[in-house]
Amino acid sequence: MLALAPVEPTTETSTEIVRRSGANLAFALAVLPKQKRRDMGVFYAFCRVVDDIADEVGMDVAVRRAGLNRWRGLISGQTTDPHPGIETEFVDLCQRYAFGEGDLEAIIDGVEMDLDPQEFETADDLKAYCYRVASAVGLASIEIFGYTDPKTKVYAEELGYALQWTNIMRDVGEDAGEGRVFLPTEDIERFGLTRSELLNGPPDPEKFRELMAFDETVARCYYESAIHSLPSVDREAMRSAEMMRRIYSGILDRMKADHYQVFKTLYRLSKPRMIAEFFRAKYLG
C-alpha cells in the first residue's frame, strides 16, 4: 500500500548528507577551499534531498510532489519556517549567493520529471531534461566557486550536458531494469532498435554498440564545447568542475574500450585513478 503521510522534512545537516553519499561530486568537493567546500556541501545536500524525495519508493506521487513544492517555497521565500538542518542551511546559502531562482527551480523541475515515466523522442528533448538536472546544477555551482568571465556560464551549461549524457549512457542497463529508457527514441530507432528491446535487454550487440558509439559522439561534443568555453581567468576556480570532467570523460573512455557492456557492468574509475585526479585538481589545477 502506498504511503499517504506527507514527506517529513529532513533535519539532517549537509555534513551528514554528504558523508553518506559516497558520490563522485562529494569527492570532488574536497579540492575546494574550506568555506567554499562547506557551501558546496550545502548545495549538494539540497540536490541530494530533492532527488531522494522524487525517488522515494512506495511513496504516493502526490505526496512526493508536495515535498518538492516545499523546497520551491524555500527557494521563493514563500515558505518561511525552514526546519533545523539542511533547510536552514540552504536558506542561509541562498541569502549569501546570487543564484538564479530559475536555476534552482529548474533542478526541482528536473527531478520532478522522474516521478512519471519519461520517453524522450528527440535529442533536444533529452537535452532539455539534462539542462534541468545537470546544467542548472553547474550554473548554481559556479556562483559558489566564483568566476569573473560570463563565458564561464557557457562552460557550466555545456559541462552539465556532457556529464549527464555520460551518466545516461553508463546507466542504460540499470535504468532498463527499473523500466526506464532515457536515450532519445530517434537515436534508438536510427540503429534499428526499439525502446522495448532496451527495456528487455540486452539488445542486439552490434546495433547497440552503434547506438552507444553515436551517443558517445554527442557526449564528446559537449565535453569539447565545455573545454573551449572555459576562460583561462576562471580555470583555477573551476578545478572541482574540471575534476568531474576528467572523471566522467574517463568513464566514457572505459565504456568505449569495453564496447559498452552496460547491461552487465557499472563503469567506474579505479581508486588509484580517482586519487590521482584528486591530487591533480588539488595541487595542479
C-alpha atoms as a PDB file:
ATOM      1  CA  MET A   1       0.000   0.000   0.000  1.00  0.00           C
ATOM      2  CA  LEU A   2       1.310   3.437  -0.897  1.00  0.00           C
ATOM      3  CA  ALA A   3       2.132   5.727   1.990  1.00  0.00           C
ATOM      4  CA  LEU A   4      -0.190   8.707   2.237  1.00  0.00           C
ATOM      5  CA  ALA A   5       1.502  10.579   5.048  1.00  0.00           C
ATOM      6  CA  PRO A   6       3.313  13.774   4.000  1.00  0.00           C
ATOM      7  CA  VAL A   7       7.037  13.687   3.375  1.00  0.00           C
ATOM      8  CA  GLU A   8       8.640  14.641   6.668  1.00  0.00           C
ATOM      9  CA  PRO A   9      11.207  17.413   6.076  1.00  0.00           C
ATOM     10  CA  THR A  10      14.651  16.066   6.888  1.00  0.00           C
ATOM     11  CA  THR A  11      16.526  17.554   9.804  1.00  0.00           C
ATOM     12  CA  GLU A  12      19.837  16.060   8.696  1.00  0.00           C
ATOM     13  CA  THR A  13      22.677  18.514   8.253  1.00  0.00           C
ATOM     14  CA  SER A  14      24.523  18.935   4.973  1.00  0.00           C
ATOM     15  CA  THR A  15      27.590  17.346   6.566  1.00  0.00           C
ATOM     16  CA  GLU A  16      25.624  14.192   7.386  1.00  0.00           C
ATOM     17  CA  ILE A  17      24.112  14.026   3.912  1.00  0.00           C
ATOM     18  CA  VAL A  18      27.440  14.491   2.131  1.00  0.00           C
ATOM     19  CA  ARG A  19      29.154  11.969   4.393  1.00  0.00           C
ATOM     20  CA  ARG A  20      26.746   9.171   3.492  1.00  0.00           C
ATOM     21  CA  SER A  21      26.541   9.989  -0.204  1.00  0.00           C
ATOM     22  CA  GLY A  22      29.809   8.482  -1.391  1.00  0.00           C
ATOM     23  CA  ALA A  23      29.321  10.186  -4.759  1.00  0.00           C
ATOM     24  CA  ASN A  24      31.955  11.465  -7.155  1.00  0.00           C
ATOM     25  CA  LEU A  25      30.671  15.000  -6.629  1.00  0.00           C
ATOM     26  CA  ALA A  26      31.159  14.763  -2.875  1.00  0.00           C
ATOM     27  CA  PHE A  27      34.703  13.515  -3.507  1.00  0.00           C
ATOM     28  CA  ALA A  28      35.349  16.488  -5.783  1.00  0.00           C
ATOM     29  CA  LEU A  29      34.326  18.942  -3.077  1.00  0.00           C
ATOM     30  CA  ALA A  30      37.452  18.108  -1.120  1.00  0.00           C
ATOM     31  CA  VAL A  31      39.642  20.074  -3.551  1.00  0.00           C
ATOM     32  CA  LEU A  32      37.908  23.357  -2.668  1.00  0.00           C
ATOM     33  CA  PRO A  33      38.942  25.926  -0.051  1.00  0.00           C
ATOM     34  CA  LYS A  34      37.315  25.338   3.322  1.00  0.00           C
ATOM     35  CA  GLN A  35      34.421  27.823   3.114  1.00  0.00           C
ATOM     36  CA  LYS A  36      33.557  27.013  -0.480  1.00  0.00           C
ATOM     37  CA  ARG A  37      33.709  23.313   0.418  1.00  0.00           C
ATOM     38  CA  ARG A  38      31.169  23.874   3.184  1.00  0.00           C
ATOM     39  CA  ASP A  39      28.897  25.926   0.937  1.00  0.00           C
ATOM     40  CA  MET A  40      29.077  23.408  -1.907  1.00  0.00           C
ATOM     41  CA  GLY A  41      28.306  20.721   0.644  1.00  0.00           C
ATOM     42  CA  VAL A  42      25.081  22.548   1.494  1.00  0.00           C
ATOM     43  CA  PHE A  43      24.181  22.962  -2.172  1.00  0.00           C
ATOM     44  CA  TYR A  44      24.998  19.330  -2.944  1.00  0.00           C
ATOM     45  CA  ALA A  45      22.888  18.215   0.039  1.00  0.00           C
ATOM     46  CA  PHE A  46      19.951  20.228  -1.333  1.00  0.00           C
ATOM     47  CA  CYS A  47      20.323  18.452  -4.690  1.00  0.00           C
ATOM     48  CA  ARG A  48      20.546  15.086  -2.941  1.00  0.00           C
ATOM     49  CA  VAL A  49      17.483  15.677  -0.770  1.00  0.00           C
ATOM     50  CA  VAL A  50      15.170  16.765  -3.606  1.00  0.00           C
ATOM     51  CA  ASP A  51      16.376  13.846  -5.726  1.00  0.00           C
ATOM     52  CA  ASP A  52      15.685  11.445  -2.857  1.00  0.00           C
ATOM     53  CA  ILE A  53      12.162  12.834  -2.492  1.00  0.00           C
ATOM     54  CA  ALA A  54      11.484  12.210  -6.181  1.00  0.00           C
ATOM     55  CA  ASP A  55      12.902   8.680  -5.964  1.00  0.00           C
ATOM     56  CA  GLU A  56      11.162   7.686  -2.696  1.00  0.00           C
ATOM     57  CA  VAL A  57       9.956   4.126  -3.311  1.00  0.00           C
ATOM     58  CA  GLY A  58       6.457   3.363  -2.077  1.00  0.00           C
ATOM     59  CA  MET A  59       5.505   6.993  -1.531  1.00  0.00           C
ATOM     60  CA  ASP A  60       2.439   8.360  -3.303  1.00  0.00           C
ATOM     61  CA  VAL A  61       3.373  10.634  -6.220  1.00  0.00           C
ATOM     62  CA  ALA A  62       1.177  13.463  -4.943  1.00  0.00           C
ATOM     63  CA  VAL A  63       2.946  13.310  -1.600  1.00  0.00           C
ATOM     64  CA  ARG A  64       6.344  13.495  -3.290  1.00  0.00           C
ATOM     65  CA  ARG A  65       5.205  16.486  -5.344  1.00  0.00           C
ATOM     66  CA  ALA A  66       4.170  18.186  -2.131  1.00  0.00           C
ATOM     67  CA  GLY A  67       7.628  17.532  -0.696  1.00  0.00           C
ATOM     68  CA  LEU A  68       9.235  19.115  -3.749  1.00  0.00           C
ATOM     69  CA  ASN A  69       6.860  22.070  -3.553  1.00  0.00           C
ATOM     70  CA  ARG A  70       8.043  22.736  -0.017  1.00  0.00           C
ATOM     71  CA  TRP A  71      11.537  23.229  -1.443  1.00  0.00           C
ATOM     72  CA  ARG A  72      10.126  25.514  -4.120  1.00  0.00           C
ATOM     73  CA  GLY A  73       8.658  27.562  -1.310  1.00  0.00           C
ATOM     74  CA  LEU A  74      12.016  27.739   0.439  1.00  0.00           C
ATOM     75  CA  ILE A  75      13.606  28.969  -2.801  1.00  0.00           C
ATOM     76  CA  SER A  76      10.989  31.644  -3.428  1.00  0.00           C
ATOM     77  CA  GLY A  77      10.753  32.700   0.201  1.00  0.00           C
ATOM     78  CA  GLN A  78       7.075  31.759   0.442  1.00  0.00           C
ATOM     79  CA  THR A  79       7.942  29.039   2.961  1.00  0.00           C
ATOM     80  CA  THR A  80       9.247  30.956   5.943  1.00  0.00           C
ATOM     81  CA  ASP A  81       9.669  28.180   8.510  1.00  0.00           C
ATOM     82  CA  PRO A  82      12.773  26.224   7.468  1.00  0.00           C
ATOM     83  CA  HIS A  83      13.467  23.260   9.714  1.00  0.00           C
ATOM     84  CA  PRO A  84      16.803  22.929  11.517  1.00  0.00           C
ATOM     85  CA  GLY A  85      19.428  21.180   9.424  1.00  0.00           C
ATOM     86  CA  ILE A  86      19.702  21.322   5.655  1.00  0.00           C
ATOM     87  CA  GLU A  87      16.629  23.529   5.172  1.00  0.00           C
ATOM     88  CA  THR A  88      18.012  26.274   7.394  1.00  0.00           C
ATOM     89  CA  GLU A  89      21.485  25.873   5.895  1.00  0.00           C
ATOM     90  CA  PHE A  90      20.071  26.118   2.380  1.00  0.00           C
ATOM     91  CA  VAL A  91      18.043  29.267   3.083  1.00  0.00           C
ATOM     92  CA  ASP A  92      21.180  30.878   4.520  1.00  0.00           C
ATOM     93  CA  LEU A  93      23.141  29.828   1.435  1.00  0.00           C
ATOM     94  CA  CYS A  94      20.569  31.417  -0.882  1.00  0.00           C
ATOM     95  CA  GLN A  95      20.888  34.675   1.033  1.00  0.00           C
ATOM     96  CA  ARG A  96      24.654  34.754   0.534  1.00  0.00           C
ATOM     97  CA  TYR A  97      24.893  33.889  -3.172  1.00  0.00           C
ATOM     98  CA  ALA A  98      23.301  35.338  -6.293  1.00  0.00           C
ATOM     99  CA  PHE A  99      21.743  32.103  -7.530  1.00  0.00           C
ATOM    100  CA  GLY A 100      19.341  32.431 -10.400  1.00  0.00           C
ATOM    101  CA  GLU A 101      15.981  31.453  -8.904  1.00  0.00           C
ATOM    102  CA  GLY A 102      15.166  29.884 -12.240  1.00  0.00           C
ATOM    103  CA  ASP A 103      18.177  27.577 -11.995  1.00  0.00           C
ATOM    104  CA  LEU A 104      17.236  26.329  -8.532  1.00  0.00           C
ATOM    105  CA  GLU A 105      13.654  25.761  -9.630  1.00  0.00           C
ATOM    106  CA  ALA A 106      14.902  24.010 -12.774  1.00  0.00           C
ATOM    107  CA  ILE A 107      16.705  21.459 -10.590  1.00  0.00           C
ATOM    108  CA  ILE A 108      13.437  20.641  -8.836  1.00  0.00           C
ATOM    109  CA  ASP A 109      11.587  20.559 -12.166  1.00  0.00           C
ATOM    110  CA  GLY A 110      14.155  18.055 -13.399  1.00  0.00           C
ATOM    111  CA  VAL A 111      13.876  15.606 -10.515  1.00  0.00           C
ATOM    112  CA  GLU A 112      10.081  16.002 -10.641  1.00  0.00           C
ATOM    113  CA  MET A 113      10.161  14.689 -14.210  1.00  0.00           C
ATOM    114  CA  ASP A 114      11.386  11.385 -12.766  1.00  0.00           C
ATOM    115  CA  LEU A 115       8.071  10.945 -10.944  1.00  0.00           C
ATOM    116  CA  ASP A 116       6.496   9.844 -14.219  1.00  0.00           C
ATOM    117  CA  PRO A 117       7.951   7.510 -16.873  1.00  0.00           C
ATOM    118  CA  GLN A 118       9.902   9.625 -19.341  1.00  0.00           C
ATOM    119  CA  GLU A 119      10.223   8.983 -23.055  1.00  0.00           C
ATOM    120  CA  PHE A 120      12.437  11.439 -24.888  1.00  0.00           C
ATOM    121  CA  GLU A 121      11.614  11.446 -28.579  1.00  0.00           C
ATOM    122  CA  THR A 122      14.492  13.626 -29.732  1.00  0.00           C
ATOM    123  CA  ALA A 123      17.957  14.633 -28.624  1.00  0.00           C
ATOM    124  CA  ASP A 124      16.607  18.130 -27.975  1.00  0.00           C
ATOM    125  CA  ASP A 125      14.008  16.668 -25.599  1.00  0.00           C
ATOM    126  CA  LEU A 126      16.739  14.872 -23.671  1.00  0.00           C
ATOM    127  CA  LYS A 127      18.918  17.979 -23.711  1.00  0.00           C
ATOM    128  CA  ALA A 128      16.122  19.961 -22.034  1.00  0.00           C
ATOM    129  CA  TYR A 129      15.980  17.332 -19.271  1.00  0.00           C
ATOM    130  CA  CYS A 130      19.776  17.409 -18.912  1.00  0.00           C
ATOM    131  CA  TYR A 131      19.673  21.166 -18.523  1.00  0.00           C
ATOM    132  CA  ARG A 132      17.397  20.838 -15.526  1.00  0.00           C
ATOM    133  CA  VAL A 133      19.147  18.010 -13.709  1.00  0.00           C
ATOM    134  CA  ALA A 134      22.762  18.874 -14.573  1.00  0.00           C
ATOM    135  CA  SER A 135      23.419  22.177 -16.331  1.00  0.00           C
ATOM    136  CA  ALA A 136      21.316  24.128 -13.827  1.00  0.00           C
ATOM    137  CA  VAL A 137      23.340  22.444 -11.078  1.00  0.00           C
ATOM    138  CA  GLY A 138      26.514  23.648 -12.754  1.00  0.00           C
ATOM    139  CA  LEU A 139      25.230  27.189 -13.177  1.00  0.00           C
ATOM    140  CA  ALA A 140      24.395  27.368  -9.472  1.00  0.00           C
ATOM    141  CA  SER A 141      27.709  25.757  -8.521  1.00  0.00           C
ATOM    142  CA  ILE A 142      29.846  28.350 -10.279  1.00  0.00           C
ATOM    143  CA  GLU A 143      28.238  31.070  -8.158  1.00  0.00           C
ATOM    144  CA  ILE A 144      29.872  29.339  -5.196  1.00  0.00           C
ATOM    145  CA  PHE A 145      33.143  28.550  -6.981  1.00  0.00           C
ATOM    146  CA  GLY A 146      33.407  32.178  -8.058  1.00  0.00           C
ATOM    147  CA  TYR A 147      34.059  33.395 -11.599  1.00  0.00           C
ATOM    148  CA  THR A 148      34.895  36.638 -13.362  1.00  0.00           C
ATOM    149  CA  ASP A 149      34.118  35.978 -17.027  1.00  0.00           C
ATOM    150  CA  PRO A 150      30.445  35.492 -18.011  1.00  0.00           C
ATOM    151  CA  LYS A 151      31.580  32.909 -20.590  1.00  0.00           C
ATOM    152  CA  THR A 152      32.112  30.547 -17.680  1.00  0.00           C
ATOM    153  CA  LYS A 153      28.329  30.169 -17.615  1.00  0.00           C
ATOM    154  CA  VAL A 154      28.560  28.585 -21.068  1.00  0.00           C
ATOM    155  CA  TYR A 155      31.212  26.223 -19.714  1.00  0.00           C
ATOM    156  CA  ALA A 156      28.940  25.197 -16.827  1.00  0.00           C
ATOM    157  CA  GLU A 157      25.973  24.569 -19.095  1.00  0.00           C
ATOM    158  CA  GLU A 158      27.931  22.545 -21.660  1.00  0.00           C
ATOM    159  CA  LEU A 159      29.705  20.506 -18.998  1.00  0.00           C
ATOM    160  CA  GLY A 160      26.337  19.703 -17.428  1.00  0.00           C
ATOM    161  CA  TYR A 161      25.113  18.241 -20.713  1.00  0.00           C
ATOM    162  CA  ALA A 162      28.305  16.203 -21.058  1.00  0.00           C
ATOM    163  CA  LEU A 163      28.206  14.760 -17.544  1.00  0.00           C
ATOM    164  CA  GLN A 164      24.520  13.865 -17.676  1.00  0.00           C
ATOM    165  CA  TRP A 165      24.788  12.318 -21.150  1.00  0.00           C
ATOM    166  CA  THR A 166      27.622  10.152 -19.820  1.00  0.00           C
ATOM    167  CA  ASN A 167      25.520   9.197 -16.796  1.00  0.00           C
ATOM    168  CA  ILE A 168      22.626   8.198 -19.020  1.00  0.00           C
ATOM    169  CA  MET A 169      24.861   6.031 -21.200  1.00  0.00           C
ATOM    170  CA  ARG A 170      26.511   4.368 -18.209  1.00  0.00           C
ATOM    171  CA  ASP A 171      23.150   3.624 -16.557  1.00  0.00           C
ATOM    172  CA  VAL A 172      21.265   2.218 -19.571  1.00  0.00           C
ATOM    173  CA  GLY A 173      21.209  -1.299 -18.134  1.00  0.00           C
ATOM    174  CA  GLU A 174      20.343  -0.223 -14.596  1.00  0.00           C
ATOM    175  CA  ASP A 175      17.609   2.133 -15.800  1.00  0.00           C
ATOM    176  CA  ALA A 176      16.139  -0.538 -18.073  1.00  0.00           C
ATOM    177  CA  GLY A 177      15.818  -2.788 -15.042  1.00  0.00           C
ATOM    178  CA  GLU A 178      13.668  -0.055 -13.474  1.00  0.00           C
ATOM    179  CA  GLY A 179      11.538   0.306 -16.591  1.00  0.00           C
ATOM    180  CA  ARG A 180      13.188   3.483 -17.824  1.00  0.00           C
ATOM    181  CA  VAL A 181      14.944   4.437 -21.062  1.00  0.00           C
ATOM    182  CA  PHE A 182      16.477   7.893 -21.266  1.00  0.00           C
ATOM    183  CA  LEU A 183      18.219   7.672 -24.653  1.00  0.00           C
ATOM    184  CA  PRO A 184      16.313   9.530 -27.381  1.00  0.00           C
ATOM    185  CA  THR A 185      13.862   7.363 -29.294  1.00  0.00           C
ATOM    186  CA  GLU A 186      15.093   8.845 -32.580  1.00  0.00           C
ATOM    187  CA  ASP A 187      18.610   7.596 -31.800  1.00  0.00           C
ATOM    188  CA  ILE A 188      17.386   4.159 -30.770  1.00  0.00           C
ATOM    189  CA  GLU A 189      15.350   3.732 -33.944  1.00  0.00           C
ATOM    190  CA  ARG A 190      18.145   5.120 -36.129  1.00  0.00           C
ATOM    191  CA  PHE A 191      20.121   1.977 -35.372  1.00  0.00           C
ATOM    192  CA  GLY A 192      17.272  -0.484 -35.844  1.00  0.00           C
ATOM    193  CA  LEU A 193      16.340  -0.922 -32.187  1.00  0.00           C
ATOM    194  CA  THR A 194      13.234  -0.213 -30.105  1.00  0.00           C
ATOM    195  CA  ARG A 195      12.701   1.033 -26.570  1.00  0.00           C
ATOM    196  CA  SER A 196      11.157  -2.332 -25.768  1.00  0.00           C
ATOM    197  CA  GLU A 197      14.341  -4.116 -26.807  1.00  0.00           C
ATOM    198  CA  LEU A 198      16.355  -1.938 -24.441  1.00  0.00           C
ATOM    199  CA  LEU A 199      13.867  -2.442 -21.613  1.00  0.00           C
ATOM    200  CA  ASN A 200      14.067  -6.216 -22.097  1.00  0.00           C
ATOM    201  CA  GLY A 201      17.798  -6.130 -22.876  1.00  0.00           C
ATOM    202  CA  PRO A 202      20.428  -6.726 -23.630  1.00  0.00           C
ATOM    203  CA  PRO A 203      19.511  -5.895 -27.233  1.00  0.00           C
ATOM    204  CA  ASP A 204      21.330  -6.917 -30.411  1.00  0.00           C
ATOM    205  CA  PRO A 205      25.018  -6.346 -29.563  1.00  0.00           C
ATOM    206  CA  GLU A 206      26.143  -4.796 -32.848  1.00  0.00           C
ATOM    207  CA  LYS A 207      23.181  -2.438 -33.162  1.00  0.00           C
ATOM    208  CA  PHE A 208      23.550  -1.427 -29.546  1.00  0.00           C
ATOM    209  CA  ARG A 209      27.268  -0.705 -29.940  1.00  0.00           C
ATOM    210  CA  GLU A 210      26.474   1.522 -32.911  1.00  0.00           C
ATOM    211  CA  LEU A 211      23.820   3.344 -30.872  1.00  0.00           C
ATOM    212  CA  MET A 212      26.151   3.889 -27.949  1.00  0.00           C
ATOM    213  CA  ALA A 213      29.014   4.975 -30.192  1.00  0.00           C
ATOM    214  CA  PHE A 214      26.700   7.579 -31.718  1.00  0.00           C
ATOM    215  CA  ASP A 215      25.643   8.946 -28.346  1.00  0.00           C
ATOM    216  CA  GLU A 216      29.252   8.872 -27.175  1.00  0.00           C
ATOM    217  CA  THR A 217      29.998  11.274 -30.019  1.00  0.00           C
ATOM    218  CA  VAL A 218      27.250  13.559 -28.734  1.00  0.00           C
ATOM    219  CA  ALA A 219      28.729  13.495 -25.223  1.00  0.00           C
ATOM    220  CA  ARG A 220      32.239  14.160 -26.572  1.00  0.00           C
ATOM    221  CA  CYS A 221      30.983  17.231 -28.418  1.00  0.00           C
ATOM    222  CA  TYR A 222      29.642  18.645 -25.185  1.00  0.00           C
ATOM    223  CA  TYR A 223      32.933  17.935 -23.402  1.00  0.00           C
ATOM    224  CA  GLU A 224      34.853  19.687 -26.168  1.00  0.00           C
ATOM    225  CA  SER A 225      32.479  22.631 -26.106  1.00  0.00           C
ATOM    226  CA  ALA A 226      32.960  22.922 -22.335  1.00  0.00           C
ATOM    227  CA  ILE A 227      36.751  22.837 -22.640  1.00  0.00           C
ATOM    228  CA  HIS A 228      36.779  25.561 -25.279  1.00  0.00           C
ATOM    229  CA  SER A 229      34.279  27.695 -23.346  1.00  0.00           C
ATOM    230  CA  LEU A 230      36.267  27.898 -20.109  1.00  0.00           C
ATOM    231  CA  PRO A 231      38.091  31.246 -19.911  1.00  0.00           C
ATOM    232  CA  SER A 232      41.663  30.924 -18.664  1.00  0.00           C
ATOM    233  CA  VAL A 233      40.988  33.524 -15.973  1.00  0.00           C
ATOM    234  CA  ASP A 234      38.485  31.164 -14.311  1.00  0.00           C
ATOM    235  CA  ARG A 235      40.306  27.876 -14.821  1.00  0.00           C
ATOM    236  CA  GLU A 236      41.656  27.683 -11.277  1.00  0.00           C
ATOM    237  CA  ALA A 237      38.263  28.497  -9.754  1.00  0.00           C
ATOM    238  CA  MET A 238      36.724  25.641 -11.756  1.00  0.00           C
ATOM    239  CA  ARG A 239      39.183  22.989 -10.549  1.00  0.00           C
ATOM    240  CA  SER A 240      36.414  20.956  -8.893  1.00  0.00           C
ATOM    241  CA  ALA A 241      34.309  21.031 -12.064  1.00  0.00           C
ATOM    242  CA  GLU A 242      37.357  20.152 -14.151  1.00  0.00           C
ATOM    243  CA  MET A 243      37.993  17.171 -11.901  1.00  0.00           C
ATOM    244  CA  MET A 244      34.442  15.996 -12.604  1.00  0.00           C
ATOM    245  CA  ARG A 245      35.037  16.484 -16.322  1.00  0.00           C
ATOM    246  CA  ARG A 246      38.121  14.277 -16.256  1.00  0.00           C
ATOM    247  CA  ILE A 247      36.427  11.614 -14.135  1.00  0.00           C
ATOM    248  CA  TYR A 248      33.392  11.309 -16.361  1.00  0.00           C
ATOM    249  CA  SER A 249      35.460  11.512 -19.537  1.00  0.00           C
ATOM    250  CA  GLY A 250      37.439   8.613 -18.096  1.00  0.00           C
ATOM    251  CA  ILE A 251      34.237   6.650 -17.511  1.00  0.00           C
ATOM    252  CA  LEU A 252      33.276   7.292 -21.132  1.00  0.00           C
ATOM    253  CA  ASP A 253      36.708   6.024 -22.207  1.00  0.00           C
ATOM    254  CA  ARG A 254      36.217   2.825 -20.200  1.00  0.00           C
ATOM    255  CA  MET A 255      32.793   2.193 -21.712  1.00  0.00           C
ATOM    256  CA  LYS A 256      34.148   2.643 -25.223  1.00  0.00           C
ATOM    257  CA  ALA A 257      37.144   0.380 -24.631  1.00  0.00           C
ATOM    258  CA  ASP A 258      34.815  -2.322 -23.301  1.00  0.00           C
ATOM    259  CA  HIS A 259      32.322  -1.979 -26.184  1.00  0.00           C
ATOM    260  CA  TYR A 260      29.627  -0.504 -23.923  1.00  0.00           C
ATOM    261  CA  GLN A 261      28.808  -3.572 -21.813  1.00  0.00           C
ATOM    262  CA  VAL A 262      26.417  -1.501 -19.725  1.00  0.00           C
ATOM    263  CA  PHE A 263      23.914  -4.315 -19.205  1.00  0.00           C
ATOM    264  CA  LYS A 264      26.433  -6.238 -17.137  1.00  0.00           C
ATOM    265  CA  THR A 265      28.938  -3.614 -15.952  1.00  0.00           C
ATOM    266  CA  LEU A 266      28.521  -0.392 -13.974  1.00  0.00           C
ATOM    267  CA  TYR A 267      31.561   1.580 -15.034  1.00  0.00           C
ATOM    268  CA  ARG A 268      33.674   3.466 -12.513  1.00  0.00           C
ATOM    269  CA  LEU A 269      37.250   4.657 -12.366  1.00  0.00           C
ATOM    270  CA  SER A 270      39.700   2.743 -10.225  1.00  0.00           C
ATOM    271  CA  LYS A 271      40.532   4.042  -6.771  1.00  0.00           C
ATOM    272  CA  PRO A 272      44.146   4.881  -7.777  1.00  0.00           C
ATOM    273  CA  ARG A 273      42.850   6.873 -10.763  1.00  0.00           C
ATOM    274  CA  MET A 274      40.388   8.733  -8.548  1.00  0.00           C
ATOM    275  CA  ILE A 275      43.147   9.587  -6.073  1.00  0.00           C
ATOM    276  CA  ALA A 276      45.372  10.759  -8.907  1.00  0.00           C
ATOM    277  CA  GLU A 277      42.602  13.019 -10.211  1.00  0.00           C
ATOM    278  CA  PHE A 278      42.066  14.403  -6.730  1.00  0.00           C
ATOM    279  CA  PHE A 279      45.736  15.368  -6.312  1.00  0.00           C
ATOM    280  CA  ARG A 280      45.849  16.804  -9.822  1.00  0.00           C
ATOM    281  CA  ALA A 281      42.850  19.012  -9.047  1.00  0.00           C
ATOM    282  CA  LYS A 282      44.032  19.921  -5.568  1.00  0.00           C
ATOM    283  CA  TYR A 283      47.616  20.860  -6.353  1.00  0.00           C
ATOM    284  CA  LEU A 284      47.949  21.286 -10.116  1.00  0.00           C
ATOM    285  CA  GLY A 285      44.568  22.727 -11.075  1.00  0.00           C
END
